[in-house]
Amino acid sequence: MADVNVKLGVAFDLNGTAIALEPKEAINEIKTKGIELQLPQKVELGQVGNGIDSILSKLGSAQTVSGIKEQLRDFEPLTKVYDKVTEAILSVEKFHAKIPGSDYLDEKKKTDTNYKLSSKDYKYTIGLSATWPVTGDEQGLTLTGIYFEASNEQPIPVA
């Protein structure tokens, strides 16, 4: 009979959006190989303005995104930028995390017998995008979003 690999990932909820991270290693290999989790697909978190309203509410503030905009109404260029930011749809495009296991530590101790794991040994990559709805008024080349990625992995893993 073939061995069965059992894997355990994690799932959580962020303001009503389910996010599941898929495991790369089987449970019986975690001690030696470590834990590696990856987002299997893009997760849309919603409109930035709604997120800001939620945060302000949880902090007990009476301010809202629309209320703040109303205070800026006399500054049209600023309100246009404000609208772009608050109307943007925020998404997690990429997420990868790796916590090393004993194999990694054993390899490091071959060259430094006193080696201890530190934060630099934990690897991560996160990619976020903010996109704006296309209005139909666009002409030519139009910026419809931005992408940000941070990583301490080399090379960065491909999703």
C-alpha atoms as a PDB file:
ATOM      1  CA  MET A   1       0.000   0.000   0.000  1.00  0.00           C
ATOM      2  CA  ALA A   2       1.314   3.453  -0.899  1.00  0.00           C
ATOM      3  CA  ASP A   3       1.990   6.015   1.805  1.00  0.00           C
ATOM      4  CA  VAL A   4      -0.575   8.768   2.123  1.00  0.00           C
ATOM      5  CA  ASN A   5       0.657  12.337   2.495  1.00  0.00           C
ATOM      6  CA  VAL A   6      -1.547  14.446   4.719  1.00  0.00           C
ATOM      7  CA  LYS A   7      -1.143  18.209   4.444  1.00  0.00           C
ATOM      8  CA  LEU A   8      -2.545  20.907   6.682  1.00  0.00           C
ATOM      9  CA  GLY A   9      -3.007  24.466   5.505  1.00  0.00           C
ATOM     10  CA  VAL A  10      -4.664  27.414   7.176  1.00  0.00           C
ATOM     11  CA  ALA A  11      -7.743  29.425   6.323  1.00  0.00           C
ATOM     12  CA  PHE A  12      -8.955  32.640   7.849  1.00  0.00           C
ATOM     13  CA  ASP A  13     -11.464  35.388   7.298  1.00  0.00           C
ATOM     14  CA  LEU A  14     -10.497  39.005   6.656  1.00  0.00           C
ATOM     15  CA  ASN A  15     -13.549  41.282   6.845  1.00  0.00           C
ATOM     16  CA  GLY A  16     -15.786  38.666   5.274  1.00  0.00           C
ATOM     17  CA  THR A  17     -13.285  37.442   2.672  1.00  0.00           C
ATOM     18  CA  ALA A  18     -12.147  33.836   3.032  1.00  0.00           C
ATOM     19  CA  ILE A  19      -8.419  33.335   2.520  1.00  0.00           C
ATOM     20  CA  ALA A  20      -6.970  29.826   2.344  1.00  0.00           C
ATOM     21  CA  LEU A  21      -3.239  29.128   2.234  1.00  0.00           C
ATOM     22  CA  GLU A  22      -2.277  25.835   0.669  1.00  0.00           C
ATOM     23  CA  PRO A  23       0.494  23.773   2.274  1.00  0.00           C
ATOM     24  CA  LYS A  24       3.500  22.469   0.365  1.00  0.00           C
ATOM     25  CA  GLU A  25       4.763  19.918   2.893  1.00  0.00           C
ATOM     26  CA  ALA A  26       3.052  16.898   4.418  1.00  0.00           C
ATOM     27  CA  ILE A  27       2.454  17.006   8.182  1.00  0.00           C
ATOM     28  CA  ASN A  28       4.979  14.213   8.784  1.00  0.00           C
ATOM     29  CA  GLU A  29       7.677  16.256   6.970  1.00  0.00           C
ATOM     30  CA  ILE A  30       7.184  19.596   8.746  1.00  0.00           C
ATOM     31  CA  LYS A  31       9.830  18.968  11.418  1.00  0.00           C
ATOM     32  CA  THR A  32      12.562  18.301   8.859  1.00  0.00           C
ATOM     33  CA  LYS A  33      11.428  20.307   5.821  1.00  0.00           C
ATOM     34  CA  GLY A  34       9.651  23.143   7.601  1.00  0.00           C
ATOM     35  CA  ILE A  35       6.362  24.824   6.837  1.00  0.00           C
ATOM     36  CA  GLU A  36       5.673  26.342   3.453  1.00  0.00           C
ATOM     37  CA  LEU A  37       2.351  27.980   2.598  1.00  0.00           C
ATOM     38  CA  GLN A  38       1.184  29.648  -0.593  1.00  0.00           C
ATOM     39  CA  LEU A  39      -1.896  31.493  -1.780  1.00  0.00           C
ATOM     40  CA  PRO A  40      -3.237  29.359  -4.642  1.00  0.00           C
ATOM     41  CA  GLN A  41      -5.070  32.200  -6.388  1.00  0.00           C
ATOM     42  CA  LYS A  42      -5.686  35.933  -6.259  1.00  0.00           C
ATOM     43  CA  VAL A  43      -7.955  37.086  -3.422  1.00  0.00           C
ATOM     44  CA  GLU A  44      -9.962  40.273  -3.889  1.00  0.00           C
ATOM     45  CA  LEU A  45     -10.317  42.106  -0.579  1.00  0.00           C
ATOM     46  CA  GLY A  46     -12.740  44.774  -1.767  1.00  0.00           C
ATOM     47  CA  GLN A  47     -12.819  48.503  -2.248  1.00  0.00           C
ATOM     48  CA  VAL A  48     -10.215  50.551  -0.359  1.00  0.00           C
ATOM     49  CA  GLY A  49     -12.828  53.099   0.765  1.00  0.00           C
ATOM     50  CA  ASN A  50     -14.965  50.402   2.371  1.00  0.00           C
ATOM     51  CA  GLY A  51     -11.900  49.103   4.202  1.00  0.00           C
ATOM     52  CA  ILE A  52     -11.061  52.585   5.461  1.00  0.00           C
ATOM     53  CA  ASP A  53     -14.663  53.081   6.639  1.00  0.00           C
ATOM     54  CA  SER A  54     -14.483  49.749   8.481  1.00  0.00           C
ATOM     55  CA  ILE A  55     -11.206  50.667  10.192  1.00  0.00           C
ATOM     56  CA  LEU A  56     -12.477  54.124  11.184  1.00  0.00           C
ATOM     57  CA  SER A  57     -15.656  52.595  12.606  1.00  0.00           C
ATOM     58  CA  LYS A  58     -13.726  49.999  14.622  1.00  0.00           C
ATOM     59  CA  LEU A  59     -11.551  52.796  16.015  1.00  0.00           C
ATOM     60  CA  GLY A  60     -14.697  54.588  17.167  1.00  0.00           C
ATOM     61  CA  SER A  61     -14.344  57.468  14.719  1.00  0.00           C
ATOM     62  CA  ALA A  62     -17.392  59.249  13.331  1.00  0.00           C
ATOM     63  CA  GLN A  63     -15.417  60.055  10.160  1.00  0.00           C
ATOM     64  CA  THR A  64     -16.243  58.279   6.900  1.00  0.00           C
ATOM     65  CA  VAL A  65     -14.630  58.225   3.479  1.00  0.00           C
ATOM     66  CA  SER A  66     -17.490  60.276   2.008  1.00  0.00           C
ATOM     67  CA  GLY A  67     -17.333  62.721   4.927  1.00  0.00           C
ATOM     68  CA  ILE A  68     -13.626  63.254   4.416  1.00  0.00           C
ATOM     69  CA  LYS A  69     -14.205  63.808   0.689  1.00  0.00           C
ATOM     70  CA  GLU A  70     -16.839  66.427   1.486  1.00  0.00           C
ATOM     71  CA  GLN A  71     -14.194  68.344   3.468  1.00  0.00           C
ATOM     72  CA  LEU A  72     -11.975  68.337   0.344  1.00  0.00           C
ATOM     73  CA  ARG A  73     -14.684  69.469  -2.098  1.00  0.00           C
ATOM     74  CA  ASP A  74     -13.021  72.833  -2.835  1.00  0.00           C
ATOM     75  CA  PHE A  75      -9.835  71.142  -4.062  1.00  0.00           C
ATOM     76  CA  GLU A  76     -10.910  69.342  -7.267  1.00  0.00           C
ATOM     77  CA  PRO A  77      -7.486  67.883  -8.184  1.00  0.00           C
ATOM     78  CA  LEU A  78      -7.199  66.430  -4.677  1.00  0.00           C
ATOM     79  CA  THR A  79     -10.743  65.015  -4.753  1.00  0.00           C
ATOM     80  CA  LYS A  80     -10.004  63.254  -8.065  1.00  0.00           C
ATOM     81  CA  VAL A  81      -6.946  61.581  -6.546  1.00  0.00           C
ATOM     82  CA  TYR A  82      -8.926  60.789  -3.381  1.00  0.00           C
ATOM     83  CA  ASP A  83     -11.663  59.153  -5.488  1.00  0.00           C
ATOM     84  CA  LYS A  84      -9.099  57.049  -7.366  1.00  0.00           C
ATOM     85  CA  VAL A  85      -7.564  55.807  -4.128  1.00  0.00           C
ATOM     86  CA  THR A  86     -10.822  55.104  -2.294  1.00  0.00           C
ATOM     87  CA  GLU A  87     -12.505  53.454  -5.325  1.00  0.00           C
ATOM     88  CA  ALA A  88      -9.574  51.110  -5.936  1.00  0.00           C
ATOM     89  CA  ILE A  89     -10.141  47.374  -5.523  1.00  0.00           C
ATOM     90  CA  LEU A  90      -7.406  45.897  -3.314  1.00  0.00           C
ATOM     91  CA  SER A  91      -6.285  42.317  -4.021  1.00  0.00           C
ATOM     92  CA  VAL A  92      -3.656  39.947  -2.705  1.00  0.00           C
ATOM     93  CA  GLU A  93      -2.069  38.637  -5.911  1.00  0.00           C
ATOM     94  CA  LYS A  94       0.670  36.532  -4.366  1.00  0.00           C
ATOM     95  CA  PHE A  95       1.553  35.230  -0.915  1.00  0.00           C
ATOM     96  CA  HIS A  96       4.254  32.727  -0.018  1.00  0.00           C
ATOM     97  CA  ALA A  97       5.853  31.985   3.358  1.00  0.00           C
ATOM     98  CA  LYS A  98       8.474  29.445   4.390  1.00  0.00           C
ATOM     99  CA  ILE A  99       9.621  28.582   7.899  1.00  0.00           C
ATOM    100  CA  PRO A 100      12.659  26.293   7.718  1.00  0.00           C
ATOM    101  CA  GLY A 101      12.845  22.865   9.334  1.00  0.00           C
ATOM    102  CA  SER A 102      15.647  20.882  10.924  1.00  0.00           C
ATOM    103  CA  ASP A 103      17.221  19.930   7.536  1.00  0.00           C
ATOM    104  CA  TYR A 104      17.899  23.618   6.888  1.00  0.00           C
ATOM    105  CA  LEU A 105      19.347  24.126  10.365  1.00  0.00           C
ATOM    106  CA  ASP A 106      21.536  21.001  10.053  1.00  0.00           C
ATOM    107  CA  GLU A 107      22.891  22.315   6.734  1.00  0.00           C
ATOM    108  CA  LYS A 108      23.703  25.719   8.287  1.00  0.00           C
ATOM    109  CA  LYS A 109      25.442  24.033  11.263  1.00  0.00           C
ATOM    110  CA  LYS A 110      27.860  22.296   8.886  1.00  0.00           C
ATOM    111  CA  THR A 111      29.609  25.644   8.410  1.00  0.00           C
ATOM    112  CA  ASP A 112      28.718  27.257  11.764  1.00  0.00           C
ATOM    113  CA  THR A 113      28.165  24.842  14.653  1.00  0.00           C
ATOM    114  CA  ASN A 114      26.623  27.625  16.795  1.00  0.00           C
ATOM    115  CA  TYR A 115      24.104  28.693  14.113  1.00  0.00           C
ATOM    116  CA  LYS A 116      20.667  29.593  15.442  1.00  0.00           C
ATOM    117  CA  LEU A 117      17.620  30.404  13.366  1.00  0.00           C
ATOM    118  CA  SER A 118      16.733  34.087  13.166  1.00  0.00           C
ATOM    119  CA  SER A 119      14.156  36.193  11.338  1.00  0.00           C
ATOM    120  CA  LYS A 120      16.375  36.318   8.220  1.00  0.00           C
ATOM    121  CA  ASP A 121      15.852  32.563   7.821  1.00  0.00           C
ATOM    122  CA  TYR A 122      12.084  32.967   7.483  1.00  0.00           C
ATOM    123  CA  LYS A 123      11.188  33.717   3.861  1.00  0.00           C
ATOM    124  CA  TYR A 124       8.159  35.540   2.494  1.00  0.00           C
ATOM    125  CA  THR A 125       6.738  37.155  -0.618  1.00  0.00           C
ATOM    126  CA  ILE A 126       3.560  39.226  -0.792  1.00  0.00           C
ATOM    127  CA  GLY A 127       2.153  40.878  -3.905  1.00  0.00           C
ATOM    128  CA  LEU A 128      -0.724  43.376  -3.706  1.00  0.00           C
ATOM    129  CA  SER A 129      -2.620  45.180  -6.441  1.00  0.00           C
ATOM    130  CA  ALA A 130      -4.996  48.108  -6.485  1.00  0.00           C
ATOM    131  CA  THR A 131      -7.105  48.441  -9.626  1.00  0.00           C
ATOM    132  CA  TRP A 132      -9.655  51.019 -10.699  1.00  0.00           C
ATOM    133  CA  PRO A 133     -12.867  50.384 -12.591  1.00  0.00           C
ATOM    134  CA  VAL A 134     -12.706  51.272 -16.275  1.00  0.00           C
ATOM    135  CA  THR A 135     -15.253  54.014 -16.978  1.00  0.00           C
ATOM    136  CA  GLY A 136     -15.351  53.839 -20.778  1.00  0.00           C
ATOM    137  CA  ASP A 137     -14.072  57.414 -21.049  1.00  0.00           C
ATOM    138  CA  GLU A 138     -10.466  56.273 -21.321  1.00  0.00           C
ATOM    139  CA  GLN A 139      -8.500  57.031 -24.487  1.00  0.00           C
ATOM    140  CA  GLY A 140      -5.176  55.613 -25.504  1.00  0.00           C
ATOM    141  CA  LEU A 141      -2.980  54.132 -22.808  1.00  0.00           C
ATOM    142  CA  THR A 142      -4.660  54.476 -19.393  1.00  0.00           C
ATOM    143  CA  LEU A 143      -3.331  53.491 -15.990  1.00  0.00           C
ATOM    144  CA  THR A 144      -5.908  51.174 -14.412  1.00  0.00           C
ATOM    145  CA  GLY A 145      -3.987  49.944 -11.404  1.00  0.00           C
ATOM    146  CA  ILE A 146      -0.761  49.524  -9.490  1.00  0.00           C
ATOM    147  CA  TYR A 147       1.099  46.487  -8.186  1.00  0.00           C
ATOM    148  CA  PHE A 148       3.371  46.245  -5.143  1.00  0.00           C
ATOM    149  CA  GLU A 149       5.514  43.287  -4.165  1.00  0.00           C
ATOM    150  CA  ALA A 150       7.795  42.756  -1.186  1.00  0.00           C
ATOM    151  CA  SER A 151       9.985  39.702  -0.730  1.00  0.00           C
ATOM    152  CA  ASN A 152      13.090  38.490   1.044  1.00  0.00           C
ATOM    153  CA  GLU A 153      13.274  35.408  -1.192  1.00  0.00           C
ATOM    154  CA  GLN A 154      15.792  35.015  -3.996  1.00  0.00           C
ATOM    155  CA  PRO A 155      14.662  34.149  -6.572  1.00  0.00           C
ATOM    156  CA  ILE A 156      11.067  35.173  -5.971  1.00  0.00           C
ATOM    157  CA  PRO A 157       8.792  32.120  -6.319  1.00  0.00           C
ATOM    158  CA  VAL A 158       6.462  32.019  -9.297  1.00  0.00           C
ATOM    159  CA  ALA A 159       2.790  31.750  -8.334  1.00  0.00           C
END
